[in-house]
Amino acid sequence: MRVAVFLGSSPGPPAHRDCVTALADGLVARNIGIVYGGAQVGLMGLLAERALAAGGEVIGVIPRDLFAREVPHRGVTRLVEVDSMHERKAQMAELADAFVALPGGVGTLEELFEVFTWRLLGIHDKPVTLLDPDGFYDPLVDQLDRVVAQGYLSADKRAALGRVRTVDELLASYDAPS
């Protein structure tokens, strides 16, 4: 199994870094591979470094035009260089069996919403989950609930985006039979 992890290329606050290290440790302990944006910086770099140090599989997928900004991590198990953000997301989706979004910026949100939309459209049926250790995503969840209340999304489709507060909750969902 592999999980695509969407998260920031900035370092974020200590609580988010702690969540990233716990996630890397938990995934490696369960022999679950990681697919991520391929950068050596920020939370992305922390995730890769921690998982690699523990002997985990880490596949990075990075567009060539981001090399200067995100600095590709050349030490990952496999680095896939692509030509565009569209290719990055498609490649990550192909390689992953599940998706999780930790706190991050606009790019993280964009990746999250694309795979969530793909799930709603039936392009895949893989789990999509917010890992929200400190309420970072509370406003987003409130907005999605408003979208449902206003009739733009059904409650059952809204439920296709999961939300957990702890790494243990997330990992338990991967341990559960499908």
N, C-alpha and C. Protein backbone atom coordinates (compact mmCIF):
# COMPACT_ATOMS: atom_id res chain seq x y z
N MET A 1 0.84 -1.19 0.00
CA MET A 1 0.00 0.00 0.00
C MET A 1 0.88 1.24 0.00
N ARG A 2 0.39 2.28 -0.67
CA ARG A 2 1.05 3.59 -0.66
C ARG A 2 0.01 4.67 -0.41
N VAL A 3 0.43 5.69 0.32
CA VAL A 3 -0.43 6.83 0.62
C VAL A 3 0.20 8.08 0.01
N ALA A 4 -0.60 8.83 -0.75
CA ALA A 4 -0.16 10.14 -1.24
C ALA A 4 -0.42 11.14 -0.13
N VAL A 5 0.61 11.86 0.23
CA VAL A 5 0.51 12.84 1.31
C VAL A 5 0.67 14.23 0.71
N PHE A 6 -0.35 15.07 0.91
CA PHE A 6 -0.31 16.46 0.47
C PHE A 6 -0.01 17.31 1.71
N LEU A 7 1.01 18.15 1.62
CA LEU A 7 1.41 18.99 2.75
C LEU A 7 2.30 20.11 2.27
N GLY A 8 2.56 21.06 3.14
CA GLY A 8 3.25 22.27 2.75
C GLY A 8 4.72 22.12 2.44
N SER A 9 5.18 23.03 1.59
CA SER A 9 6.62 23.12 1.30
C SER A 9 7.26 24.17 2.21
N SER A 10 6.48 24.71 3.15
CA SER A 10 6.98 25.59 4.20
C SER A 10 7.07 24.77 5.48
N PRO A 11 7.85 25.23 6.46
CA PRO A 11 8.06 24.42 7.66
C PRO A 11 6.86 24.33 8.59
N GLY A 12 5.97 25.31 8.60
CA GLY A 12 4.81 25.25 9.48
C GLY A 12 5.18 25.31 10.95
N PRO A 13 4.18 25.37 11.82
CA PRO A 13 4.42 25.45 13.26
C PRO A 13 4.82 24.09 13.86
N PRO A 14 5.34 24.08 15.08
CA PRO A 14 5.79 22.83 15.71
C PRO A 14 4.73 21.73 15.75
N ALA A 15 3.48 22.06 16.00
CA ALA A 15 2.44 21.02 16.07
C ALA A 15 2.29 20.30 14.74
N HIS A 16 2.44 21.02 13.65
CA HIS A 16 2.32 20.40 12.33
C HIS A 16 3.55 19.55 12.03
N ARG A 17 4.71 20.02 12.42
CA ARG A 17 5.93 19.21 12.23
C ARG A 17 5.84 17.92 13.05
N ASP A 18 5.32 18.02 14.27
CA ASP A 18 5.17 16.82 15.11
C ASP A 18 4.23 15.82 14.45
N CYS A 19 3.16 16.32 13.86
CA CYS A 19 2.20 15.45 13.17
C CYS A 19 2.86 14.76 11.97
N VAL A 20 3.67 15.50 11.24
CA VAL A 20 4.36 14.93 10.08
C VAL A 20 5.31 13.82 10.50
N THR A 21 6.08 14.04 11.55
CA THR A 21 7.01 12.99 11.99
C THR A 21 6.26 11.77 12.50
N ALA A 22 5.16 11.98 13.22
CA ALA A 22 4.35 10.85 13.70
C ALA A 22 3.75 10.07 12.52
N LEU A 23 3.32 10.80 11.49
CA LEU A 23 2.77 10.13 10.31
C LEU A 23 3.84 9.31 9.61
N ALA A 24 5.00 9.89 9.40
CA ALA A 24 6.09 9.15 8.75
C ALA A 24 6.42 7.89 9.54
N ASP A 25 6.56 8.02 10.86
CA ASP A 25 6.87 6.86 11.69
C ASP A 25 5.79 5.79 11.60
N GLY A 26 4.53 6.22 11.66
CA GLY A 26 3.42 5.27 11.63
C GLY A 26 3.29 4.55 10.30
N LEU A 27 3.47 5.27 9.21
CA LEU A 27 3.38 4.64 7.89
C LEU A 27 4.51 3.63 7.70
N VAL A 28 5.72 4.02 8.06
CA VAL A 28 6.86 3.11 7.90
C VAL A 28 6.67 1.87 8.78
N ALA A 29 6.18 2.05 10.00
CA ALA A 29 5.97 0.91 10.90
C ALA A 29 4.97 -0.09 10.33
N ARG A 30 4.05 0.38 9.49
CA ARG A 30 3.05 -0.49 8.87
C ARG A 30 3.45 -0.91 7.45
N ASN A 31 4.67 -0.58 7.07
CA ASN A 31 5.17 -0.90 5.73
C ASN A 31 4.30 -0.29 4.63
N ILE A 32 3.82 0.93 4.88
CA ILE A 32 3.03 1.68 3.91
C ILE A 32 3.95 2.70 3.26
N GLY A 33 4.03 2.66 1.95
CA GLY A 33 4.87 3.59 1.23
C GLY A 33 4.25 4.97 1.15
N ILE A 34 5.11 5.96 0.91
CA ILE A 34 4.69 7.35 0.83
C ILE A 34 4.93 7.87 -0.58
N VAL A 35 3.92 8.56 -1.10
CA VAL A 35 4.04 9.30 -2.35
C VAL A 35 3.80 10.75 -1.97
N TYR A 36 4.69 11.64 -2.38
CA TYR A 36 4.54 13.04 -2.00
C TYR A 36 5.11 13.92 -3.09
N GLY A 37 5.07 15.22 -2.90
CA GLY A 37 5.44 16.19 -3.92
C GLY A 37 6.90 16.28 -4.30
N GLY A 38 7.77 15.50 -3.69
CA GLY A 38 9.15 15.39 -4.14
C GLY A 38 10.12 16.44 -3.66
N ALA A 39 9.67 17.37 -2.82
CA ALA A 39 10.56 18.46 -2.38
C ALA A 39 11.39 18.06 -1.17
N GLN A 40 12.48 18.78 -1.04
CA GLN A 40 13.41 18.59 0.07
C GLN A 40 13.17 19.64 1.16
N VAL A 41 12.23 20.54 0.95
CA VAL A 41 12.02 21.67 1.86
C VAL A 41 10.70 21.54 2.62
N GLY A 42 10.60 22.29 3.72
CA GLY A 42 9.38 22.39 4.48
C GLY A 42 8.90 21.08 5.06
N LEU A 43 7.57 21.00 5.25
CA LEU A 43 6.98 19.78 5.80
C LEU A 43 7.21 18.61 4.86
N MET A 44 7.24 18.88 3.55
CA MET A 44 7.49 17.80 2.59
C MET A 44 8.86 17.16 2.83
N GLY A 45 9.86 17.99 2.98
CA GLY A 45 11.20 17.46 3.22
C GLY A 45 11.29 16.71 4.54
N LEU A 46 10.63 17.22 5.56
CA LEU A 46 10.61 16.55 6.87
C LEU A 46 9.98 15.17 6.76
N LEU A 47 8.87 15.07 6.06
CA LEU A 47 8.21 13.77 5.87
C LEU A 47 9.15 12.78 5.20
N ALA A 48 9.78 13.20 4.11
CA ALA A 48 10.67 12.32 3.38
C ALA A 48 11.86 11.90 4.23
N GLU A 49 12.50 12.86 4.87
CA GLU A 49 13.68 12.55 5.69
C GLU A 49 13.36 11.57 6.81
N ARG A 50 12.26 11.81 7.50
CA ARG A 50 11.89 10.95 8.63
C ARG A 50 11.59 9.53 8.15
N ALA A 51 10.82 9.41 7.07
CA ALA A 51 10.48 8.08 6.56
C ALA A 51 11.71 7.35 6.02
N LEU A 52 12.57 8.06 5.31
CA LEU A 52 13.78 7.43 4.79
C LEU A 52 14.70 6.97 5.91
N ALA A 53 14.83 7.79 6.96
CA ALA A 53 15.68 7.42 8.09
C ALA A 53 15.19 6.15 8.77
N ALA A 54 13.89 5.90 8.69
CA ALA A 54 13.31 4.71 9.30
C ALA A 54 13.25 3.53 8.33
N GLY A 55 13.77 3.72 7.11
CA GLY A 55 13.81 2.64 6.14
C GLY A 55 12.57 2.51 5.28
N GLY A 56 11.75 3.55 5.21
CA GLY A 56 10.53 3.49 4.43
C GLY A 56 10.72 3.79 2.96
N GLU A 57 9.71 3.42 2.17
CA GLU A 57 9.69 3.73 0.75
C GLU A 57 9.10 5.13 0.59
N VAL A 58 9.81 5.99 -0.14
CA VAL A 58 9.34 7.35 -0.38
C VAL A 58 9.52 7.66 -1.87
N ILE A 59 8.39 7.93 -2.52
CA ILE A 59 8.40 8.28 -3.93
C ILE A 59 8.01 9.75 -4.04
N GLY A 60 8.90 10.54 -4.63
CA GLY A 60 8.63 11.95 -4.84
C GLY A 60 8.25 12.20 -6.29
N VAL A 61 7.27 13.07 -6.49
CA VAL A 61 6.84 13.43 -7.85
C VAL A 61 6.88 14.95 -7.94
N ILE A 62 7.75 15.48 -8.80
CA ILE A 62 7.95 16.92 -8.84
C ILE A 62 8.06 17.44 -10.28
N PRO A 63 7.37 18.52 -10.57
CA PRO A 63 7.52 19.14 -11.89
C PRO A 63 8.89 19.82 -12.01
N ARG A 64 9.49 19.69 -13.15
CA ARG A 64 10.82 20.27 -13.37
C ARG A 64 10.85 21.79 -13.15
N ASP A 65 9.75 22.46 -13.47
CA ASP A 65 9.76 23.92 -13.32
C ASP A 65 9.68 24.38 -11.85
N LEU A 66 9.55 23.44 -10.92
CA LEU A 66 9.56 23.80 -9.49
C LEU A 66 10.91 23.54 -8.83
N PHE A 67 11.89 23.06 -9.58
CA PHE A 67 13.18 22.69 -8.98
C PHE A 67 13.81 23.82 -8.19
N ALA A 68 13.75 25.04 -8.69
CA ALA A 68 14.39 26.16 -7.99
C ALA A 68 13.65 26.50 -6.70
N ARG A 69 12.34 26.38 -6.70
CA ARG A 69 11.53 26.78 -5.55
C ARG A 69 11.42 25.68 -4.50
N GLU A 70 11.15 24.46 -4.94
CA GLU A 70 10.90 23.37 -3.99
C GLU A 70 12.11 22.47 -3.78
N VAL A 71 13.15 22.57 -4.55
CA VAL A 71 14.38 21.79 -4.43
C VAL A 71 14.06 20.29 -4.34
N PRO A 72 14.21 19.58 -5.43
CA PRO A 72 13.88 18.15 -5.42
C PRO A 72 14.75 17.37 -4.45
N HIS A 73 14.15 16.40 -3.81
CA HIS A 73 14.85 15.54 -2.85
C HIS A 73 15.46 14.38 -3.64
N ARG A 74 16.76 14.44 -3.85
CA ARG A 74 17.45 13.43 -4.66
C ARG A 74 17.71 12.13 -3.90
N GLY A 75 17.45 12.12 -2.59
CA GLY A 75 17.73 10.92 -1.80
C GLY A 75 16.54 10.01 -1.58
N VAL A 76 15.39 10.31 -2.20
CA VAL A 76 14.22 9.47 -2.01
C VAL A 76 14.39 8.13 -2.73
N THR A 77 13.54 7.19 -2.40
CA THR A 77 13.59 5.87 -3.03
C THR A 77 13.49 5.99 -4.54
N ARG A 78 12.56 6.85 -4.98
CA ARG A 78 12.39 7.10 -6.41
C ARG A 78 11.90 8.53 -6.59
N LEU A 79 12.54 9.27 -7.46
CA LEU A 79 12.12 10.63 -7.79
C LEU A 79 11.60 10.62 -9.22
N VAL A 80 10.34 11.00 -9.36
CA VAL A 80 9.70 11.05 -10.68
C VAL A 80 9.64 12.52 -11.08
N GLU A 81 10.32 12.86 -12.15
CA GLU A 81 10.31 14.22 -12.67
C GLU A 81 9.28 14.30 -13.79
N VAL A 82 8.37 15.27 -13.66
CA VAL A 82 7.30 15.43 -14.66
C VAL A 82 7.35 16.84 -15.23
N ASP A 83 6.56 17.07 -16.27
CA ASP A 83 6.59 18.36 -16.96
C ASP A 83 5.60 19.38 -16.42
N SER A 84 4.60 18.96 -15.65
CA SER A 84 3.58 19.92 -15.21
C SER A 84 2.94 19.49 -13.90
N MET A 85 2.23 20.42 -13.31
CA MET A 85 1.47 20.11 -12.10
C MET A 85 0.39 19.07 -12.40
N HIS A 86 -0.21 19.16 -13.57
CA HIS A 86 -1.24 18.17 -13.94
C HIS A 86 -0.64 16.77 -13.95
N GLU A 87 0.54 16.64 -14.54
CA GLU A 87 1.20 15.33 -14.56
C GLU A 87 1.56 14.87 -13.16
N ARG A 88 1.98 15.81 -12.32
CA ARG A 88 2.34 15.47 -10.94
C ARG A 88 1.15 14.83 -10.24
N LYS A 89 0.01 15.49 -10.31
CA LYS A 89 -1.17 14.98 -9.60
C LYS A 89 -1.64 13.65 -10.19
N ALA A 90 -1.61 13.52 -11.49
CA ALA A 90 -2.01 12.27 -12.12
C ALA A 90 -1.08 11.13 -11.72
N GLN A 91 0.21 11.40 -11.69
CA GLN A 91 1.19 10.37 -11.32
C GLN A 91 1.03 9.98 -9.86
N MET A 92 0.85 10.98 -8.99
CA MET A 92 0.65 10.68 -7.57
C MET A 92 -0.60 9.84 -7.37
N ALA A 93 -1.67 10.17 -8.08
CA ALA A 93 -2.92 9.43 -7.95
C ALA A 93 -2.76 7.99 -8.43
N GLU A 94 -2.01 7.82 -9.49
CA GLU A 94 -1.78 6.48 -10.02
C GLU A 94 -0.98 5.62 -9.04
N LEU A 95 -0.01 6.22 -8.39
CA LEU A 95 0.87 5.48 -7.48
C LEU A 95 0.26 5.20 -6.11
N ALA A 96 -0.78 5.94 -5.74
CA ALA A 96 -1.32 5.87 -4.37
C ALA A 96 -2.58 5.03 -4.27
N ASP A 97 -2.76 4.48 -3.09
CA ASP A 97 -3.98 3.73 -2.76
C ASP A 97 -4.90 4.55 -1.86
N ALA A 98 -4.40 5.66 -1.34
CA ALA A 98 -5.17 6.54 -0.47
C ALA A 98 -4.50 7.91 -0.49
N PHE A 99 -5.26 8.93 -0.05
CA PHE A 99 -4.75 10.30 -0.04
C PHE A 99 -5.00 10.89 1.34
N VAL A 100 -4.03 11.66 1.81
CA VAL A 100 -4.20 12.39 3.07
C VAL A 100 -3.62 13.79 2.90
N ALA A 101 -4.36 14.77 3.41
CA ALA A 101 -3.89 16.15 3.38
C ALA A 101 -3.63 16.62 4.80
N LEU A 102 -2.41 17.05 5.05
CA LEU A 102 -2.05 17.70 6.29
C LEU A 102 -2.13 19.20 6.05
N PRO A 103 -1.92 20.01 7.09
CA PRO A 103 -1.92 21.45 6.86
C PRO A 103 -0.90 21.85 5.80
N GLY A 104 -1.29 22.84 5.03
CA GLY A 104 -0.43 23.35 3.98
C GLY A 104 -1.06 24.58 3.36
N GLY A 105 -0.51 25.02 2.27
CA GLY A 105 -0.99 26.23 1.62
C GLY A 105 -1.94 25.94 0.48
N VAL A 106 -1.99 26.87 -0.45
CA VAL A 106 -2.92 26.80 -1.56
C VAL A 106 -2.66 25.56 -2.42
N GLY A 107 -1.40 25.20 -2.62
CA GLY A 107 -1.09 24.01 -3.41
C GLY A 107 -1.63 22.74 -2.77
N THR A 108 -1.53 22.66 -1.45
CA THR A 108 -2.07 21.51 -0.72
C THR A 108 -3.58 21.44 -0.90
N LEU A 109 -4.24 22.59 -0.77
CA LEU A 109 -5.69 22.64 -0.95
C LEU A 109 -6.08 22.23 -2.37
N GLU A 110 -5.33 22.71 -3.34
CA GLU A 110 -5.63 22.41 -4.73
C GLU A 110 -5.50 20.91 -4.99
N GLU A 111 -4.45 20.29 -4.47
CA GLU A 111 -4.26 18.85 -4.64
C GLU A 111 -5.38 18.08 -3.94
N LEU A 112 -5.72 18.50 -2.74
CA LEU A 112 -6.80 17.85 -1.98
C LEU A 112 -8.10 17.90 -2.76
N PHE A 113 -8.47 19.10 -3.23
CA PHE A 113 -9.76 19.23 -3.90
C PHE A 113 -9.79 18.49 -5.24
N GLU A 114 -8.66 18.39 -5.90
CA GLU A 114 -8.67 17.65 -7.15
C GLU A 114 -8.96 16.17 -6.90
N VAL A 115 -8.26 15.54 -5.94
CA VAL A 115 -8.52 14.12 -5.71
C VAL A 115 -9.89 13.88 -5.09
N PHE A 116 -10.37 14.83 -4.28
CA PHE A 116 -11.72 14.74 -3.73
C PHE A 116 -12.75 14.81 -4.87
N THR A 117 -12.57 15.74 -5.78
CA THR A 117 -13.46 15.86 -6.94
C THR A 117 -13.41 14.59 -7.79
N TRP A 118 -12.22 14.07 -8.02
CA TRP A 118 -12.09 12.84 -8.81
C TRP A 118 -12.86 11.70 -8.14
N ARG A 119 -12.82 11.66 -6.81
CA ARG A 119 -13.58 10.61 -6.10
C ARG A 119 -15.07 10.81 -6.33
N LEU A 120 -15.54 12.05 -6.21
CA LEU A 120 -16.97 12.33 -6.42
C LEU A 120 -17.42 11.98 -7.83
N LEU A 121 -16.53 12.15 -8.80
CA LEU A 121 -16.85 11.86 -10.20
C LEU A 121 -16.67 10.38 -10.55
N GLY A 122 -16.19 9.59 -9.61
CA GLY A 122 -16.00 8.17 -9.86
C GLY A 122 -14.72 7.83 -10.60
N ILE A 123 -13.79 8.77 -10.69
CA ILE A 123 -12.51 8.52 -11.36
C ILE A 123 -11.66 7.57 -10.52
N HIS A 124 -11.82 7.62 -9.21
CA HIS A 124 -11.20 6.64 -8.31
C HIS A 124 -12.13 6.45 -7.13
N ASP A 125 -11.87 5.40 -6.34
CA ASP A 125 -12.65 5.17 -5.12
C ASP A 125 -11.74 5.03 -3.91
N LYS A 126 -10.61 5.71 -3.96
CA LYS A 126 -9.62 5.65 -2.89
C LYS A 126 -9.99 6.62 -1.77
N PRO A 127 -9.67 6.28 -0.53
CA PRO A 127 -9.98 7.19 0.58
C PRO A 127 -9.23 8.52 0.46
N VAL A 128 -9.94 9.60 0.81
CA VAL A 128 -9.38 10.95 0.85
C VAL A 128 -9.68 11.49 2.24
N THR A 129 -8.62 11.86 2.97
CA THR A 129 -8.78 12.22 4.37
C THR A 129 -7.99 13.47 4.71
N LEU A 130 -8.60 14.32 5.54
CA LEU A 130 -7.89 15.44 6.16
C LEU A 130 -7.29 14.95 7.46
N LEU A 131 -6.01 15.16 7.66
CA LEU A 131 -5.37 14.91 8.95
C LEU A 131 -5.21 16.27 9.59
N ASP A 132 -6.04 16.52 10.59
CA ASP A 132 -6.24 17.87 11.14
C ASP A 132 -5.95 17.88 12.64
N PRO A 133 -4.68 17.92 13.01
CA PRO A 133 -4.34 17.76 14.42
C PRO A 133 -4.74 18.91 15.35
N ASP A 134 -4.92 20.09 14.81
CA ASP A 134 -5.15 21.25 15.69
C ASP A 134 -6.28 22.16 15.22
N GLY A 135 -7.16 21.64 14.40
CA GLY A 135 -8.27 22.44 13.92
C GLY A 135 -7.93 23.36 12.76
N PHE A 136 -6.79 23.16 12.14
CA PHE A 136 -6.38 23.97 11.00
C PHE A 136 -7.47 24.00 9.93
N TYR A 137 -8.10 22.86 9.71
CA TYR A 137 -9.10 22.76 8.66
C TYR A 137 -10.53 23.06 9.12
N ASP A 138 -10.73 23.53 10.34
CA ASP A 138 -12.09 23.85 10.81
C ASP A 138 -12.84 24.77 9.85
N PRO A 139 -12.25 25.88 9.39
CA PRO A 139 -12.99 26.75 8.46
C PRO A 139 -13.34 26.06 7.14
N LEU A 140 -12.48 25.20 6.65
CA LEU A 140 -12.75 24.48 5.42
C LEU A 140 -13.91 23.51 5.62
N VAL A 141 -13.90 22.79 6.72
CA VAL A 141 -14.99 21.86 7.02
C VAL A 141 -16.30 22.61 7.18
N ASP A 142 -16.25 23.76 7.86
CA ASP A 142 -17.47 24.59 7.99
C ASP A 142 -17.98 25.00 6.61
N GLN A 143 -17.08 25.38 5.71
CA GLN A 143 -17.50 25.78 4.37
C GLN A 143 -18.10 24.61 3.60
N LEU A 144 -17.52 23.45 3.71
CA LEU A 144 -18.08 22.28 3.04
C LEU A 144 -19.47 21.96 3.59
N ASP A 145 -19.65 22.11 4.89
CA ASP A 145 -20.97 21.89 5.48
C ASP A 145 -21.97 22.92 4.96
N ARG A 146 -21.51 24.14 4.74
CA ARG A 146 -22.37 25.18 4.16
C ARG A 146 -22.74 24.84 2.72
N VAL A 147 -21.79 24.30 1.98
CA VAL A 147 -22.05 23.88 0.60
C VAL A 147 -23.17 22.83 0.60
N VAL A 148 -23.12 21.90 1.56
CA VAL A 148 -24.18 20.90 1.68
C VAL A 148 -25.50 21.57 2.05
N ALA A 149 -25.47 22.43 3.06
CA ALA A 149 -26.69 23.10 3.53
C ALA A 149 -27.36 23.91 2.42
N GLN A 150 -26.58 24.47 1.52
CA GLN A 150 -27.12 25.27 0.43
C GLN A 150 -27.51 24.43 -0.79
N GLY A 151 -27.31 23.13 -0.71
CA GLY A 151 -27.75 22.23 -1.77
C GLY A 151 -26.79 22.05 -2.93
N TYR A 152 -25.55 22.45 -2.77
CA TYR A 152 -24.57 22.30 -3.86
C TYR A 152 -23.84 20.96 -3.83
N LEU A 153 -23.99 20.25 -2.74
CA LEU A 153 -23.34 18.95 -2.57
C LEU A 153 -24.20 18.12 -1.63
N SER A 154 -24.40 16.86 -1.96
CA SER A 154 -25.19 16.01 -1.08
C SER A 154 -24.36 15.60 0.13
N ALA A 155 -25.04 15.31 1.21
CA ALA A 155 -24.36 14.91 2.44
C ALA A 155 -23.57 13.61 2.24
N ASP A 156 -24.11 12.68 1.44
CA ASP A 156 -23.38 11.44 1.24
C ASP A 156 -22.10 11.66 0.42
N LYS A 157 -22.15 12.58 -0.53
CA LYS A 157 -20.92 12.89 -1.28
C LYS A 157 -19.93 13.65 -0.40
N ARG A 158 -20.42 14.54 0.43
CA ARG A 158 -19.57 15.27 1.37
C ARG A 158 -18.81 14.30 2.28
N ALA A 159 -19.48 13.21 2.65
CA ALA A 159 -18.88 12.21 3.54
C ALA A 159 -17.70 11.49 2.90
N ALA A 160 -17.51 11.65 1.60
CA ALA A 160 -16.37 11.02 0.92
C ALA A 160 -15.04 11.66 1.30
N LEU A 161 -15.09 12.82 1.93
CA LEU A 161 -13.87 13.45 2.45
C LEU A 161 -13.86 13.22 3.96
N GLY A 162 -12.98 12.34 4.38
CA GLY A 162 -12.87 12.02 5.80
C GLY A 162 -12.05 13.06 6.54
N ARG A 163 -12.15 13.02 7.85
CA ARG A 163 -11.36 13.92 8.69
C ARG A 163 -11.02 13.21 9.98
N VAL A 164 -9.74 13.24 10.33
CA VAL A 164 -9.26 12.68 11.58
C VAL A 164 -8.40 13.71 12.28
N ARG A 165 -8.29 13.58 13.58
CA ARG A 165 -7.50 14.52 14.37
C ARG A 165 -6.12 13.99 14.72
N THR A 166 -5.96 12.67 14.66
CA THR A 166 -4.68 12.09 15.07
C THR A 166 -4.14 11.12 14.02
N VAL A 167 -2.86 10.94 14.06
CA VAL A 167 -2.22 9.96 13.18
C VAL A 167 -2.75 8.57 13.48
N ASP A 168 -2.96 8.26 14.77
CA ASP A 168 -3.47 6.93 15.13
C ASP A 168 -4.83 6.67 14.49
N GLU A 169 -5.70 7.67 14.46
CA GLU A 169 -7.01 7.51 13.82
C GLU A 169 -6.84 7.22 12.32
N LEU A 170 -5.96 7.96 11.69
CA LEU A 170 -5.72 7.75 10.27
C LEU A 170 -5.20 6.35 10.01
N LEU A 171 -4.18 5.95 10.76
CA LEU A 171 -3.59 4.63 10.56
C LEU A 171 -4.58 3.51 10.84
N ALA A 172 -5.45 3.69 11.81
CA ALA A 172 -6.48 2.70 12.10
C ALA A 172 -7.42 2.52 10.91
N SER A 173 -7.68 3.62 10.19
CA SER A 173 -8.55 3.50 9.02
C SER A 173 -7.87 2.69 7.91
N TYR A 174 -6.55 2.71 7.86
CA TYR A 174 -5.83 1.92 6.86
C TYR A 174 -5.75 0.46 7.29
N ASP A 175 -5.79 0.21 8.60
CA ASP A 175 -5.74 -1.17 9.11
C ASP A 175 -7.08 -1.88 8.96
N ALA A 176 -8.18 -1.09 8.91
CA ALA A 176 -9.52 -1.67 8.85
C ALA A 176 -9.73 -2.36 7.51
N PRO A 177 -10.45 -3.50 7.54
CA PRO A 177 -10.75 -4.14 6.26
C PRO A 177 -11.64 -3.28 5.40
N SER A 178 -11.41 -3.31 4.09
CA SER A 178 -12.20 -2.48 3.16
C SER A 178 -13.53 -3.09 2.89
